[in-house]
Protein backbone atom coordinates (compact mmCIF):
# COMPACT_ATOMS: atom_id res chain seq x y z
CA MET A 1 25.77 31.67 -52.86
CA PRO A 2 23.35 29.91 -50.49
CA VAL A 3 23.96 30.31 -46.76
CA VAL A 4 22.64 28.40 -43.77
CA THR A 5 20.46 30.00 -41.12
CA ALA A 6 21.64 30.34 -37.53
CA GLU A 7 19.21 27.57 -36.57
CA THR A 8 20.61 25.24 -39.26
CA ALA A 9 24.17 26.11 -38.21
CA GLU A 10 23.33 25.17 -34.60
CA LYS A 11 21.86 21.83 -35.71
CA ILE A 12 24.94 21.11 -37.83
CA LYS A 13 27.26 21.93 -34.91
CA SER A 14 25.23 19.73 -32.57
CA ILE A 15 25.34 16.78 -34.98
CA VAL A 16 29.07 17.17 -35.62
CA CYS A 17 29.92 17.45 -31.92
CA ASP A 18 27.72 14.47 -31.08
CA ILE A 19 29.42 12.25 -33.67
CA LEU A 20 32.95 13.47 -32.86
CA GLU A 21 32.20 13.15 -29.13
CA ILE A 22 33.41 16.66 -28.34
CA GLU A 23 31.90 19.61 -26.53
CA GLU A 24 30.37 22.38 -28.64
CA ASP A 25 32.85 24.93 -27.24
CA GLU A 26 35.75 22.78 -28.53
CA VAL A 27 34.86 23.27 -32.18
CA THR A 28 35.12 26.50 -34.16
CA GLU A 29 34.04 27.43 -37.70
CA THR A 30 37.54 26.63 -38.96
CA SER A 31 38.89 23.94 -36.60
CA LEU A 32 39.66 20.87 -38.67
CA PHE A 33 37.74 17.71 -37.80
CA ALA A 34 40.62 15.36 -38.65
CA ASP A 35 43.61 17.40 -37.45
CA ASP A 36 42.09 19.16 -34.43
CA HIS A 37 39.44 16.67 -33.33
CA GLU A 38 40.91 13.31 -34.43
CA ALA A 39 38.01 12.41 -36.73
CA ASP A 40 38.59 9.54 -39.12
CA SER A 41 36.94 8.87 -42.47
CA LEU A 42 34.25 6.71 -40.83
CA ARG A 43 33.24 9.65 -38.60
CA ALA A 44 33.13 11.90 -41.67
CA ILE A 45 30.73 9.49 -43.37
CA GLU A 46 28.63 9.32 -40.18
CA ILE A 47 28.41 13.12 -40.18
CA LEU A 48 27.38 13.14 -43.84
CA ALA A 49 24.69 10.50 -43.26
CA ALA A 50 23.32 12.26 -40.16
CA LEU A 51 23.14 15.58 -42.02
CA GLU A 52 21.33 13.97 -44.95
CA LYS A 53 18.78 12.49 -42.56
CA GLU A 54 18.34 15.69 -40.52
CA PHE A 55 17.91 18.02 -43.48
CA GLY A 56 16.33 15.65 -46.01
CA VAL A 57 19.03 16.23 -48.61
CA VAL A 58 21.39 14.05 -50.65
CA ILE A 59 25.10 14.82 -50.39
CA ASP A 60 27.57 13.27 -52.82
CA GLN A 61 30.46 11.55 -50.99
CA ALA A 62 32.81 13.60 -53.18
CA GLU A 63 31.76 16.56 -51.00
CA LEU A 64 33.53 14.97 -48.01
CA SER A 65 36.74 16.64 -49.20
CA ARG A 66 35.10 20.03 -48.53
CA MET A 67 33.55 18.98 -45.21
CA VAL A 68 36.73 19.38 -43.18
CA ASN A 69 35.35 21.97 -40.74
CA LEU A 70 32.05 23.62 -39.83
CA ARG A 71 32.41 26.31 -42.50
CA GLY A 72 32.84 23.65 -45.18
CA VAL A 73 29.85 21.69 -43.89
CA HIS A 74 27.73 24.87 -43.90
CA ASP A 75 28.60 25.46 -47.57
CA VAL A 76 27.82 21.87 -48.59
CA ILE A 77 24.50 21.82 -46.68
CA ALA A 78 23.45 25.22 -48.06
CA GLU A 79 24.11 24.04 -51.62
CA ALA A 80 22.31 20.72 -51.04
CA MET A 81 19.29 22.50 -49.55
CA ALA A 82 19.21 24.94 -52.46
CA LYS A 83 19.06 21.99 -54.90
CA ALA A 84 16.41 20.09 -52.92
């Protein structure tokens, strides 16, 4: 299974925190964007779009259901980068 590098993980965290308007120390690998950080579906789509732009990948919106926390985003990005 593809994994993201530490550098990619840091970029992902930075993008997520920027869009959710939270500090990086507020989010963990498993904290839930919607439940723990009050993200709505629009924010989730913003995250997806920003990640696509940053990493030059295409992510199907169906993957949003897996992108509920950093760990899920890492998995989706790793798979998208492996396909690219």
